[in-house]
Amino acid sequence: MAVEQYALAADLLRQRVCERVAAGVPQDRWQQGVAGEVALALHISPNTAGRVLARAVELEKYMPHTRARLYNGDLSPEAIPALLAGLSHLDIAERQQADEELCADPVTLTGLGLKQLAAKVEQVAYRLDAQATVDRNAAAEKDRTVTLRPQPEGMARLSLLLPMAQAVGAYAALRNHADTHVGHDQELRTRPQLMADTAFARLTGRDAAEGQPVTVNLTVSAEVLLGDEPGTAHLDGGGNMPAEIARNLIGKATANGVAWVRRLFIAPETGAVVAMDSRQRLFPDGLADLIRARDRYCRTPYCDAPIAHTDHITPHAKGGATSFDNGQGLCAACNYTKEAPGWRSATVDDPSGRHTVETRTPTGHIHRSTAPNQAA
């Protein structure tokens, strides 16, 4: 049950903090690595685990009625993030008051969907502290960002998080432009297709049909890439795709003079990356490039974040070599996590023949991470 997971996460955090206080660890490291332990235990990403841990602490310390509603089945696990996020800007006393108003009586939130629940929470928060609610909405502008998420069928979702007025204005501009073209002359594209193509053109200055400058790491055999054999390719940052789509992507980009190809040498019996061309354009040669190509994503189990750091598996300070075998690609959060007390990592042999890292957490649990099969 979700409530039990929250309780266990809070217990683990309490235990780690007590251990580190007793050991004289600096306060800024008391909680280091705990989210990583939760992530491995629940088979989720460290980023998600961090949010679970924060919610666990909030429920235990300040939200007894919400915790009771969750335990009794009156609230779904999906409702907890929306409820706690909507109250996060209030001070402790106000959050406790909101907890009582919203969840002391199970009838209060009965029948509300997540959007209705969020609206109800926002109403209560505004009544308890109108100025803090207004200030939070104003401060949210600093969180504007752009994100990229791979999607099935060789697609990807490019998202812009903007202030409401800007987002509505951008959407209206794209829709108005599409409305002037849809159904006219020889235009066969739908309104959504026109809006997507227009957004691409305005962001990049290139027509969508021209292709986009790419560096392609060839993690398929020459026979698959250049012939008609079935197989898959992996586009760095874009995930796996059928060889037919990869050949089309490379062919279109090459025809427009915007593609650069870098060969990766793969052991055919294991699918392991073993070497890389030393000749390339636009990007410098380097060991980090080879490790990134081998690992694709953060090597921590269940974390599929982009690689941000090239990490020494055996720390350099302990004699670890700066080498292909002693390197792994990690996201920033996972790299900091493995520096916490009680974490140990080492390379081990694996029957697959591919690069494998064994990580031991402070609880003694062992987790293995094997590099992807590049030929699969």
Protein backbone atom coordinates (compact mmCIF):
# COMPACT_ATOMS: atom_id res chain seq x y z
CA MET A 1 0.00 0.00 0.00
CA ALA A 2 1.09 3.55 -0.69
CA VAL A 3 0.66 4.56 2.94
CA GLU A 4 3.01 1.77 4.03
CA GLN A 5 5.61 2.84 1.47
CA TYR A 6 5.44 6.41 2.77
CA ALA A 7 5.83 5.16 6.36
CA LEU A 8 8.83 2.97 5.48
CA ALA A 9 10.47 5.79 3.53
CA ALA A 10 10.10 8.15 6.49
CA ASP A 11 11.51 5.46 8.84
CA LEU A 12 14.53 4.95 6.58
CA LEU A 13 15.23 8.68 6.47
CA ARG A 14 14.99 8.90 10.25
CA GLN A 15 17.36 5.96 10.66
CA ARG A 16 19.96 7.39 8.26
CA VAL A 17 19.87 10.82 9.87
CA CYS A 18 20.33 9.33 13.35
CA GLU A 19 23.26 7.21 12.14
CA ARG A 20 24.99 10.17 10.55
CA VAL A 21 24.41 12.49 13.48
CA ALA A 22 26.00 9.87 15.73
CA ALA A 23 28.91 9.48 13.31
CA GLY A 24 29.55 13.23 13.22
CA VAL A 25 28.64 13.60 9.53
CA PRO A 26 28.09 17.26 8.50
CA GLN A 27 24.43 18.29 8.54
CA ASP A 28 24.30 18.96 4.80
CA ARG A 29 24.99 15.23 4.24
CA TRP A 30 22.51 13.76 6.70
CA GLN A 31 19.96 12.95 4.00
CA GLN A 32 22.38 12.26 1.13
CA GLY A 33 21.66 9.06 -0.78
CA VAL A 34 18.40 8.18 1.01
CA ALA A 35 16.30 8.96 -2.06
CA GLY A 36 18.61 6.67 -4.03
CA GLU A 37 17.95 3.82 -1.61
CA VAL A 38 14.19 4.39 -1.88
CA ALA A 39 14.44 4.45 -5.67
CA LEU A 40 16.22 1.10 -5.86
CA ALA A 41 13.84 -0.48 -3.34
CA LEU A 42 10.69 0.67 -5.17
CA HIS A 43 12.13 0.22 -8.69
CA ILE A 44 11.54 3.86 -9.58
CA SER A 45 13.77 6.72 -10.70
CA PRO A 46 15.72 8.71 -8.07
CA ASN A 47 13.85 11.85 -9.09
CA THR A 48 10.50 10.18 -8.39
CA ALA A 49 11.86 8.70 -5.17
CA GLY A 50 12.90 12.14 -3.96
CA ARG A 51 9.32 13.31 -4.30
CA VAL A 52 8.05 10.19 -2.53
CA LEU A 53 10.43 10.85 0.36
CA ALA A 54 9.37 14.50 0.66
CA ARG A 55 5.71 13.50 0.69
CA ALA A 56 6.42 10.82 3.29
CA VAL A 57 7.95 13.39 5.65
CA GLU A 58 5.11 15.85 5.08
CA LEU A 59 2.42 13.23 5.76
CA GLU A 60 4.10 11.99 8.92
CA LYS A 61 4.90 15.38 10.43
CA TYR A 62 2.05 17.66 9.49
CA MET A 63 -0.80 15.84 7.71
CA PRO A 64 -2.29 13.16 10.01
CA HIS A 65 -5.81 13.47 8.57
CA THR A 66 -4.59 13.12 5.00
CA ARG A 67 -2.54 10.09 6.00
CA ALA A 68 -5.61 8.56 7.68
CA ARG A 69 -7.75 9.12 4.58
CA LEU A 70 -5.10 7.42 2.46
CA TYR A 71 -4.83 4.51 4.90
CA ASN A 72 -8.60 4.02 4.94
CA GLY A 73 -8.88 4.13 1.16
CA ASP A 74 -10.80 7.41 1.09
CA LEU A 75 -8.05 9.04 -0.98
CA SER A 76 -6.27 7.51 -3.96
CA PRO A 77 -2.45 7.50 -4.01
CA GLU A 78 -2.65 9.78 -7.07
CA ALA A 79 -4.46 12.42 -5.01
CA ILE A 80 -1.62 12.85 -2.51
CA PRO A 81 0.83 14.71 -4.81
CA ALA A 82 -1.89 17.14 -5.94
CA LEU A 83 -3.03 17.79 -2.40
CA LEU A 84 0.40 18.32 -0.88
CA ALA A 85 1.70 20.42 -3.78
CA GLY A 86 -1.28 22.72 -3.51
CA LEU A 87 -0.45 23.46 0.14
CA SER A 88 3.35 23.51 -0.04
CA HIS A 89 3.63 27.32 0.04
CA LEU A 90 1.73 27.65 3.34
CA ASP A 91 3.46 27.71 6.70
CA ILE A 92 3.26 24.69 9.00
CA ALA A 93 0.29 25.88 11.03
CA GLU A 94 -1.68 26.71 7.89
CA ARG A 95 -0.90 23.34 6.30
CA GLN A 96 -2.12 21.60 9.45
CA GLN A 97 -5.32 23.65 9.37
CA ALA A 98 -5.83 22.80 5.71
CA ASP A 99 -5.25 19.14 6.50
CA GLU A 100 -8.05 19.25 9.05
CA GLU A 101 -10.45 21.18 6.80
CA LEU A 102 -9.90 18.95 3.79
CA CYS A 103 -9.42 15.51 5.29
CA ALA A 104 -10.75 15.31 8.85
CA ASP A 105 -14.15 14.39 7.38
CA PRO A 106 -13.89 11.77 4.59
CA VAL A 107 -16.99 13.23 2.92
CA THR A 108 -15.27 16.54 2.08
CA LEU A 109 -13.32 15.19 -0.91
CA THR A 110 -15.61 12.30 -1.83
CA GLY A 111 -16.29 12.04 -5.55
CA LEU A 112 -13.77 14.68 -6.64
CA GLY A 113 -11.52 13.97 -9.60
CA LEU A 114 -7.91 15.12 -9.51
CA LYS A 115 -8.67 18.44 -11.24
CA GLN A 116 -11.59 19.14 -8.92
CA LEU A 117 -9.51 18.17 -5.90
CA ALA A 118 -6.70 20.50 -6.97
CA ALA A 119 -9.19 23.34 -7.40
CA LYS A 120 -10.63 22.66 -3.94
CA VAL A 121 -7.15 22.65 -2.40
CA GLU A 122 -6.30 25.93 -4.13
CA GLN A 123 -9.46 27.54 -2.74
CA VAL A 124 -8.58 26.50 0.81
CA ALA A 125 -4.96 27.62 0.42
CA TYR A 126 -6.03 31.03 -0.91
CA ARG A 127 -8.44 31.55 1.97
CA LEU A 128 -5.78 30.64 4.54
CA ASP A 129 -3.06 32.85 3.03
CA ALA A 130 -4.06 34.85 -0.02
CA GLN A 131 -0.78 36.74 -0.31
CA ALA A 132 1.37 33.60 -0.16
CA THR A 133 -0.80 31.99 -2.84
CA VAL A 134 -0.48 35.03 -5.11
CA ASP A 135 3.28 35.21 -4.47
CA ARG A 136 3.70 31.51 -5.31
CA ASN A 137 1.96 31.95 -8.66
CA ALA A 138 4.12 34.97 -9.43
CA ALA A 139 7.31 33.16 -8.43
CA ALA A 140 6.44 30.16 -10.61
CA GLU A 141 7.61 32.14 -13.65
CA LYS A 142 11.21 31.33 -12.70
CA ASP A 143 10.46 27.64 -13.36
CA ARG A 144 9.84 28.17 -17.08
CA THR A 145 11.77 25.62 -19.07
CA VAL A 146 11.91 23.40 -22.14
CA THR A 147 11.97 19.60 -21.87
CA LEU A 148 12.30 16.73 -24.32
CA ARG A 149 10.77 13.29 -23.76
CA PRO A 150 11.05 10.36 -26.22
CA GLN A 151 7.70 8.87 -27.25
CA PRO A 152 6.78 5.60 -29.01
CA GLU A 153 6.95 5.17 -32.78
CA GLY A 154 10.05 7.31 -33.22
CA MET A 155 8.37 10.47 -31.92
CA ALA A 156 9.35 12.88 -29.15
CA ARG A 157 7.48 15.45 -27.10
CA LEU A 158 9.06 18.91 -26.88
CA SER A 159 7.38 20.83 -24.07
CA LEU A 160 7.57 24.48 -23.06
CA LEU A 161 6.59 25.43 -19.53
CA LEU A 162 5.62 29.11 -19.72
CA PRO A 163 3.56 31.65 -17.80
CA MET A 164 -0.09 31.16 -18.72
CA ALA A 165 -0.43 34.34 -20.79
CA GLN A 166 2.67 33.54 -22.86
CA ALA A 167 1.61 29.93 -23.42
CA VAL A 168 -1.89 30.93 -24.51
CA GLY A 169 -0.44 33.59 -26.82
CA ALA A 170 2.01 31.14 -28.42
CA TYR A 171 -0.70 28.55 -28.97
CA ALA A 172 -3.08 31.14 -30.44
CA ALA A 173 -0.39 32.38 -32.84
CA LEU A 174 0.28 28.85 -34.10
CA ARG A 175 -3.41 28.08 -34.45
CA ASN A 176 -4.17 31.34 -36.28
CA HIS A 177 -1.32 30.71 -38.71
CA ALA A 178 -2.55 27.17 -39.35
CA ASP A 179 -6.12 28.39 -39.92
CA THR A 180 -4.93 30.57 -42.81
CA HIS A 181 -3.50 27.50 -44.60
CA VAL A 182 -5.59 24.47 -43.69
CA GLY A 183 -7.79 23.35 -46.57
CA HIS A 184 -6.37 25.93 -48.99
CA ASP A 185 -4.81 25.19 -52.40
CA GLN A 186 -2.83 21.94 -52.32
CA GLU A 187 -2.37 21.90 -48.54
CA LEU A 188 -3.06 18.38 -47.27
CA ARG A 189 -1.80 18.78 -43.71
CA THR A 190 -4.23 18.91 -40.81
CA ARG A 191 -4.37 21.84 -38.41
CA PRO A 192 -2.32 20.03 -35.71
CA GLN A 193 0.29 19.04 -38.30
CA LEU A 194 0.52 22.61 -39.56
CA MET A 195 0.88 23.94 -36.03
CA ALA A 196 3.68 21.46 -35.27
CA ASP A 197 5.53 22.22 -38.52
CA THR A 198 5.17 25.97 -37.96
CA ALA A 199 6.52 25.69 -34.40
CA PHE A 200 9.52 23.71 -35.67
CA ALA A 201 10.22 26.23 -38.41
CA ARG A 202 10.00 29.23 -36.09
CA LEU A 203 12.22 27.62 -33.47
CA THR A 204 14.93 26.36 -35.81
CA GLY A 205 14.68 28.56 -38.88
CA ARG A 206 14.43 25.42 -41.01
CA ASP A 207 11.54 23.87 -42.85
CA ALA A 208 10.36 20.63 -41.27
CA ALA A 209 10.99 18.75 -44.51
CA GLU A 210 14.66 19.74 -44.62
CA GLY A 211 15.81 17.66 -41.69
CA GLN A 212 17.87 18.86 -38.79
CA PRO A 213 21.63 18.81 -38.08
CA VAL A 214 22.41 15.62 -36.22
CA THR A 215 25.39 13.57 -35.16
CA VAL A 216 24.46 9.92 -35.52
CA ASN A 217 26.09 7.27 -33.34
CA LEU A 218 25.88 4.09 -35.42
CA THR A 219 25.10 1.34 -32.98
CA VAL A 220 23.94 -1.06 -35.67
CA SER A 221 25.96 -3.13 -38.09
CA ALA A 222 26.83 -1.76 -41.50
CA GLU A 223 24.61 -4.45 -43.03
CA VAL A 224 21.56 -3.19 -41.15
CA LEU A 225 22.31 0.49 -41.71
CA LEU A 226 23.25 0.29 -45.38
CA GLY A 227 21.27 -2.74 -46.45
CA ASP A 228 17.76 -4.02 -46.06
CA GLU A 229 18.22 -6.26 -43.06
CA PRO A 230 15.84 -5.79 -40.09
CA GLY A 231 17.17 -4.36 -36.86
CA THR A 232 17.13 -1.32 -34.62
CA ALA A 233 19.22 1.79 -34.11
CA HIS A 234 19.66 4.01 -31.10
CA LEU A 235 19.62 7.78 -31.51
CA ASP A 236 21.37 9.52 -28.64
CA GLY A 237 18.68 11.41 -26.77
CA GLY A 238 15.90 9.90 -28.86
CA GLY A 239 15.86 6.23 -27.94
CA ASN A 240 15.50 3.11 -30.08
CA MET A 241 13.97 3.15 -33.53
CA PRO A 242 13.54 0.63 -36.38
CA ALA A 243 16.41 0.54 -38.85
CA GLU A 244 14.08 1.70 -41.64
CA ILE A 245 13.35 4.94 -39.77
CA ALA A 246 17.02 5.41 -38.87
CA ARG A 247 18.05 4.97 -42.52
CA ASN A 248 15.43 7.52 -43.57
CA LEU A 249 16.58 9.99 -40.89
CA ILE A 250 20.23 9.65 -41.85
CA GLY A 251 19.51 9.74 -45.57
CA LYS A 252 17.40 12.88 -45.32
CA ALA A 253 19.94 14.66 -43.12
CA THR A 254 22.87 13.61 -45.31
CA ALA A 255 21.10 14.77 -48.47
CA ASN A 256 20.81 18.23 -46.92
CA GLY A 257 24.43 18.23 -45.75
CA VAL A 258 23.56 18.31 -42.08
CA ALA A 259 24.53 14.84 -40.82
CA TRP A 260 27.83 13.64 -39.39
CA VAL A 261 28.33 9.93 -38.85
CA ARG A 262 30.50 8.41 -36.13
CA ARG A 263 31.12 4.67 -36.21
CA LEU A 264 30.88 2.58 -33.06
CA PHE A 265 32.56 -0.81 -33.10
CA ILE A 266 30.50 -3.58 -31.51
CA ALA A 267 31.44 -7.11 -30.49
CA PRO A 268 28.95 -9.14 -32.57
CA GLU A 269 28.70 -12.01 -30.08
CA THR A 270 27.71 -9.78 -27.13
CA GLY A 271 26.49 -6.49 -28.59
CA ALA A 272 28.94 -4.59 -26.38
CA VAL A 273 30.53 -1.33 -27.51
CA VAL A 274 34.29 -1.84 -27.63
CA ALA A 275 35.67 1.14 -29.58
CA MET A 276 34.78 4.29 -31.50
CA ASP A 277 36.07 6.15 -34.53
CA SER A 278 38.72 8.68 -33.63
CA ARG A 279 37.62 10.82 -36.60
CA GLN A 280 34.51 12.95 -36.23
CA ARG A 281 33.23 16.43 -36.94
CA LEU A 282 31.70 19.08 -34.69
CA PHE A 283 32.29 17.15 -31.43
CA PRO A 284 35.71 16.46 -29.87
CA ASP A 285 37.09 12.96 -29.50
CA GLY A 286 37.09 11.62 -25.97
CA LEU A 287 36.56 8.78 -23.62
CA ALA A 288 33.39 10.38 -22.25
CA ASP A 289 31.82 10.16 -25.71
CA LEU A 290 32.50 6.44 -25.88
CA ILE A 291 31.10 5.83 -22.39
CA ARG A 292 28.00 7.87 -23.22
CA ALA A 293 27.48 5.87 -26.41
CA ARG A 294 27.86 2.60 -24.52
CA ASP A 295 25.56 3.49 -21.61
CA ARG A 296 22.92 5.63 -23.41
CA TYR A 297 21.18 6.65 -20.17
CA CYS A 298 22.12 6.99 -16.51
CA ARG A 299 23.42 3.59 -15.43
CA THR A 300 21.60 3.53 -12.07
CA PRO A 301 18.85 0.87 -12.25
CA TYR A 302 15.38 2.33 -12.95
CA CYS A 303 16.80 5.77 -13.73
CA ASP A 304 16.53 6.68 -17.41
CA ALA A 305 17.68 10.29 -17.04
CA PRO A 306 20.14 11.71 -19.58
CA ILE A 307 23.81 11.25 -18.77
CA ALA A 308 25.28 14.39 -17.18
CA HIS A 309 28.48 13.11 -15.52
CA THR A 310 31.14 10.58 -16.49
CA ASP A 311 31.84 8.88 -13.18
CA HIS A 312 34.77 6.85 -11.83
CA ILE A 313 33.21 3.59 -10.59
CA THR A 314 36.16 3.07 -8.26
CA PRO A 315 36.85 6.64 -7.14
CA HIS A 316 39.95 8.30 -8.53
CA ALA A 317 40.98 9.20 -4.98
CA LYS A 318 41.08 5.48 -4.18
CA GLY A 319 43.23 4.59 -7.17
CA GLY A 320 40.47 4.14 -9.72
CA ALA A 321 41.69 4.48 -13.29
CA THR A 322 40.31 6.99 -15.78
CA SER A 323 39.43 4.23 -18.20
CA PHE A 324 36.61 2.81 -20.28
CA ASP A 325 36.04 -0.07 -17.86
CA ASN A 326 36.14 2.13 -14.75
CA GLY A 327 33.81 4.74 -16.19
CA GLN A 328 30.03 4.95 -16.24
CA GLY A 329 27.50 7.55 -17.32
CA LEU A 330 25.32 8.93 -14.53
CA CYS A 331 22.85 11.75 -14.11
CA ALA A 332 23.95 14.42 -11.64
CA ALA A 333 21.65 13.22 -8.85
CA CYS A 334 22.85 9.62 -9.03
CA ASN A 335 26.47 10.68 -9.11
CA TYR A 336 26.01 12.68 -5.91
CA THR A 337 24.04 9.82 -4.34
CA LYS A 338 26.85 7.28 -4.72
CA GLU A 339 29.15 9.60 -2.77
CA ALA A 340 26.96 9.20 0.33
CA PRO A 341 28.26 7.12 3.27
CA GLY A 342 27.75 3.38 2.86
CA TRP A 343 27.55 3.25 -0.96
CA ARG A 344 30.02 1.06 -2.87
CA SER A 345 30.37 0.34 -6.59
CA ALA A 346 32.61 -1.97 -8.58
CA THR A 347 32.77 -3.50 -12.03
CA VAL A 348 32.02 -7.23 -12.19
CA ASP A 349 32.05 -9.90 -14.88
CA ASP A 350 28.71 -10.68 -16.47
CA PRO A 351 27.76 -13.68 -18.65
CA SER A 352 26.59 -11.26 -21.35
CA GLY A 353 30.13 -9.94 -21.77
CA ARG A 354 28.85 -6.38 -21.52
CA HIS A 355 30.05 -3.76 -19.05
CA THR A 356 28.42 -4.42 -15.67
CA VAL A 357 28.48 -2.41 -12.44
CA GLU A 358 27.51 -3.80 -9.05
CA THR A 359 26.30 -1.24 -6.49
CA ARG A 360 25.88 -1.96 -2.79
CA THR A 361 23.61 0.37 -0.78
CA PRO A 362 23.99 1.14 2.96
CA THR A 363 21.41 -1.58 3.75
CA GLY A 364 23.62 -4.19 2.09
CA HIS A 365 21.33 -4.68 -0.90
CA ILE A 366 23.15 -5.30 -4.18
CA HIS A 367 21.96 -3.99 -7.54
CA ARG A 368 23.48 -4.71 -10.95
CA SER A 369 23.49 -2.51 -14.02
CA THR A 370 24.55 -3.93 -17.39
CA ALA A 371 25.18 -1.74 -20.41
CA PRO A 372 22.59 -2.13 -23.19
CA ASN A 373 23.03 -4.65 -25.97
CA GLN A 374 23.88 -2.31 -28.83
CA ALA A 375 23.06 -4.90 -31.47
CA ALA A 376 19.55 -5.58 -30.18
